[in-house]
């Protein structure tokens, strides 16, 4: 028997959505903004050009197109302010922006707290479409957040490092 994929999506957050009482709430940026200097721009433009030329010489036009689109997205993202998104932990789930995830849709959570670089809450979902939520803790007390979430979700205490993709994105300033 094949395992079933869980494809439930978060509910749109409306006035009628039952969320329960708010336990913690704060505002996060939709994505991280980095101070990128001239060296970063030169390196990334050079890497993009090399990859586009490689795609063209190997007749892999789709690869070249993907690199060009990624460069355009990074350029546009770096020249606009990241939208502010409300986040809340409630008695019935977590709310991020206009979406509400019930605890039954969530598999567990873990915290990576190594200030000043990393102060992040990771929430695993059961969804095959959206596998993990990444929430910056900012100035929130990680112990209080952990204690609150433990009432509703299982904490994965074995995870002690941020995911490699997040680490690389932070170091390369492309998050």
Protein backbone atom coordinates (compact mmCIF):
# COMPACT_ATOMS: atom_id res chain seq x y z
CA UNK A 1 0.00 0.00 0.00
CA UNK A 2 1.34 3.43 -0.94
CA UNK A 3 1.48 6.19 1.67
CA UNK A 4 -1.10 8.92 1.17
CA UNK A 5 0.08 12.48 0.65
CA UNK A 6 -1.59 15.02 2.89
CA UNK A 7 -2.59 17.94 0.66
CA UNK A 8 -4.65 20.07 3.03
CA UNK A 9 -4.05 23.74 2.69
CA UNK A 10 -4.32 26.47 5.32
CA UNK A 11 -7.65 28.21 5.67
CA UNK A 12 -7.98 31.81 4.57
CA UNK A 13 -8.06 33.97 7.68
CA UNK A 14 -11.36 35.83 7.80
CA UNK A 15 -13.44 37.37 10.55
CA UNK A 16 -15.43 34.12 10.76
CA UNK A 17 -12.35 31.88 11.19
CA UNK A 18 -12.21 30.29 14.63
CA UNK A 19 -8.68 30.78 15.90
CA UNK A 20 -9.06 30.69 19.66
CA UNK A 21 -7.38 33.10 22.02
CA UNK A 22 -4.05 34.59 20.93
CA UNK A 23 -1.14 33.30 23.03
CA UNK A 24 1.74 35.08 21.24
CA UNK A 25 1.80 37.46 18.33
CA UNK A 26 4.35 39.56 16.50
CA UNK A 27 5.00 40.98 13.06
CA UNK A 28 7.59 39.47 10.73
CA UNK A 29 8.93 40.37 7.31
CA UNK A 30 7.69 38.19 4.46
CA UNK A 31 11.33 37.58 3.52
CA UNK A 32 14.71 38.63 4.89
CA UNK A 33 16.36 41.70 3.47
CA UNK A 34 20.14 41.80 3.39
CA UNK A 35 22.62 44.62 2.99
CA UNK A 36 24.34 43.61 -0.22
CA UNK A 37 27.53 45.42 -1.13
CA UNK A 38 29.21 45.97 -4.47
CA UNK A 39 31.29 42.79 -4.08
CA UNK A 40 28.13 40.68 -3.66
CA UNK A 41 26.61 42.21 -6.80
CA UNK A 42 29.76 41.64 -8.88
CA UNK A 43 30.04 38.00 -7.74
CA UNK A 44 26.35 37.22 -8.32
CA UNK A 45 26.20 38.94 -11.73
CA UNK A 46 29.37 37.10 -12.80
CA UNK A 47 28.00 33.76 -11.59
CA UNK A 48 24.68 34.39 -13.36
CA UNK A 49 26.42 35.30 -16.62
CA UNK A 50 28.62 32.20 -16.46
CA UNK A 51 25.60 29.97 -15.81
CA UNK A 52 23.55 31.58 -18.60
CA UNK A 53 26.44 31.18 -21.05
CA UNK A 54 26.90 27.57 -19.96
CA UNK A 55 23.19 26.95 -20.59
CA UNK A 56 23.41 28.53 -24.03
CA UNK A 57 26.55 26.61 -25.05
CA UNK A 58 25.03 23.30 -23.93
CA UNK A 59 21.71 24.09 -25.67
CA UNK A 60 19.96 24.05 -22.30
CA UNK A 61 17.83 27.13 -22.89
CA UNK A 62 15.43 26.34 -20.07
CA UNK A 63 18.32 26.40 -17.57
CA UNK A 64 19.43 29.79 -18.92
CA UNK A 65 15.88 31.10 -18.68
CA UNK A 66 15.58 29.92 -15.06
CA UNK A 67 18.86 31.68 -14.14
CA UNK A 68 17.68 34.89 -15.83
CA UNK A 69 14.32 34.75 -14.02
CA UNK A 70 16.03 34.11 -10.68
CA UNK A 71 18.31 37.11 -11.26
CA UNK A 72 15.32 39.31 -12.10
CA UNK A 73 13.47 38.17 -8.96
CA UNK A 74 16.53 38.86 -6.76
CA UNK A 75 16.97 42.28 -8.36
CA UNK A 76 13.32 43.25 -7.87
CA UNK A 77 13.26 41.84 -4.34
CA UNK A 78 16.34 43.82 -3.33
CA UNK A 79 14.79 47.10 -4.53
CA UNK A 80 11.56 46.93 -2.57
CA UNK A 81 10.64 46.87 1.09
CA UNK A 82 9.68 43.44 2.42
CA UNK A 83 5.99 43.39 3.37
CA UNK A 84 5.19 43.09 7.08
CA UNK A 85 3.14 40.01 7.94
CA UNK A 86 1.34 39.37 11.25
CA UNK A 87 2.08 36.04 12.95
CA UNK A 88 0.14 34.58 15.89
CA UNK A 89 0.16 31.43 17.96
CA UNK A 90 -3.38 30.74 19.14
CA UNK A 91 -5.24 28.05 21.03
CA UNK A 92 -6.36 26.37 17.79
CA UNK A 93 -3.41 26.89 15.44
CA UNK A 94 -1.02 29.45 13.98
CA UNK A 95 -1.91 32.42 11.78
CA UNK A 96 0.51 33.83 9.23
CA UNK A 97 -0.66 36.79 7.22
CA UNK A 98 -4.01 35.85 5.78
CA UNK A 99 -3.71 32.09 6.40
CA UNK A 100 -4.60 29.96 9.40
CA UNK A 101 -3.02 26.55 10.04
CA UNK A 102 -4.90 24.35 12.51
CA UNK A 103 -2.74 22.22 14.79
CA UNK A 104 -4.15 19.11 13.07
CA UNK A 105 -2.38 20.27 9.87
CA UNK A 106 0.96 20.65 11.65
CA UNK A 107 3.41 17.83 12.35
CA UNK A 108 5.66 19.50 14.94
CA UNK A 109 8.12 22.30 15.53
CA UNK A 110 11.67 23.11 16.55
CA UNK A 111 13.62 26.21 17.47
CA UNK A 112 17.08 27.20 16.35
CA UNK A 113 18.36 29.91 18.67
CA UNK A 114 21.96 31.02 18.09
CA UNK A 115 21.83 34.82 18.42
CA UNK A 116 22.58 37.14 16.78
CA UNK A 117 22.63 35.18 13.49
CA UNK A 118 19.79 32.70 13.91
CA UNK A 119 16.64 33.07 16.01
CA UNK A 120 14.06 31.02 14.11
CA UNK A 121 10.98 28.92 14.77
CA UNK A 122 10.44 26.09 12.27
CA UNK A 123 6.99 24.51 12.05
CA UNK A 124 6.64 21.30 10.05
CA UNK A 125 3.34 20.83 8.24
CA UNK A 126 1.75 17.60 7.12
CA UNK A 127 1.23 19.12 3.68
CA UNK A 128 3.20 17.81 0.71
CA UNK A 129 2.76 21.21 -0.94
CA UNK A 130 4.14 23.38 1.88
CA UNK A 131 6.46 21.29 4.02
CA UNK A 132 7.84 23.86 6.51
CA UNK A 133 7.04 27.29 7.92
CA UNK A 134 10.00 29.48 8.86
CA UNK A 135 9.21 32.17 11.44
CA UNK A 136 11.87 34.63 12.69
CA UNK A 137 11.61 34.99 16.48
CA UNK A 138 12.96 38.54 16.45
CA UNK A 139 12.74 39.75 20.07
CA UNK A 140 10.37 37.02 21.28
CA UNK A 141 11.39 34.93 24.27
CA UNK A 142 12.17 31.48 22.77
CA UNK A 143 11.41 29.68 26.04
CA UNK A 144 7.92 31.16 26.25
CA UNK A 145 7.23 30.37 22.58
CA UNK A 146 8.50 26.80 23.05
CA UNK A 147 6.41 26.27 26.19
CA UNK A 148 3.29 27.56 24.45
CA UNK A 149 3.73 25.38 21.36
CA UNK A 150 4.52 22.26 23.41
CA UNK A 151 0.93 22.32 24.65
CA UNK A 152 -0.29 21.64 21.09
CA UNK A 153 2.60 20.21 19.04
CA UNK A 154 5.52 17.84 19.46
CA UNK A 155 8.93 19.49 19.62
CA UNK A 156 11.68 17.86 17.55
CA UNK A 157 14.54 18.15 20.05
CA UNK A 158 16.98 16.28 17.77
CA UNK A 159 17.20 19.15 15.28
CA UNK A 160 19.93 21.45 16.51
CA UNK A 161 20.94 23.20 13.29
CA UNK A 162 19.06 25.27 10.76
CA UNK A 163 18.31 23.54 7.45
CA UNK A 164 21.23 23.63 5.05
CA UNK A 165 19.18 25.54 2.48
CA UNK A 166 18.46 28.31 5.00
CA UNK A 167 22.11 28.41 6.04
CA UNK A 168 23.32 28.76 2.44
CA UNK A 169 20.65 31.32 1.57
CA UNK A 170 21.60 33.42 4.62
CA UNK A 171 25.33 33.24 3.87
CA UNK A 172 24.82 34.04 0.20
CA UNK A 173 22.26 36.73 1.09
CA UNK A 174 19.60 35.39 -1.26
CA UNK A 175 16.82 34.68 1.23
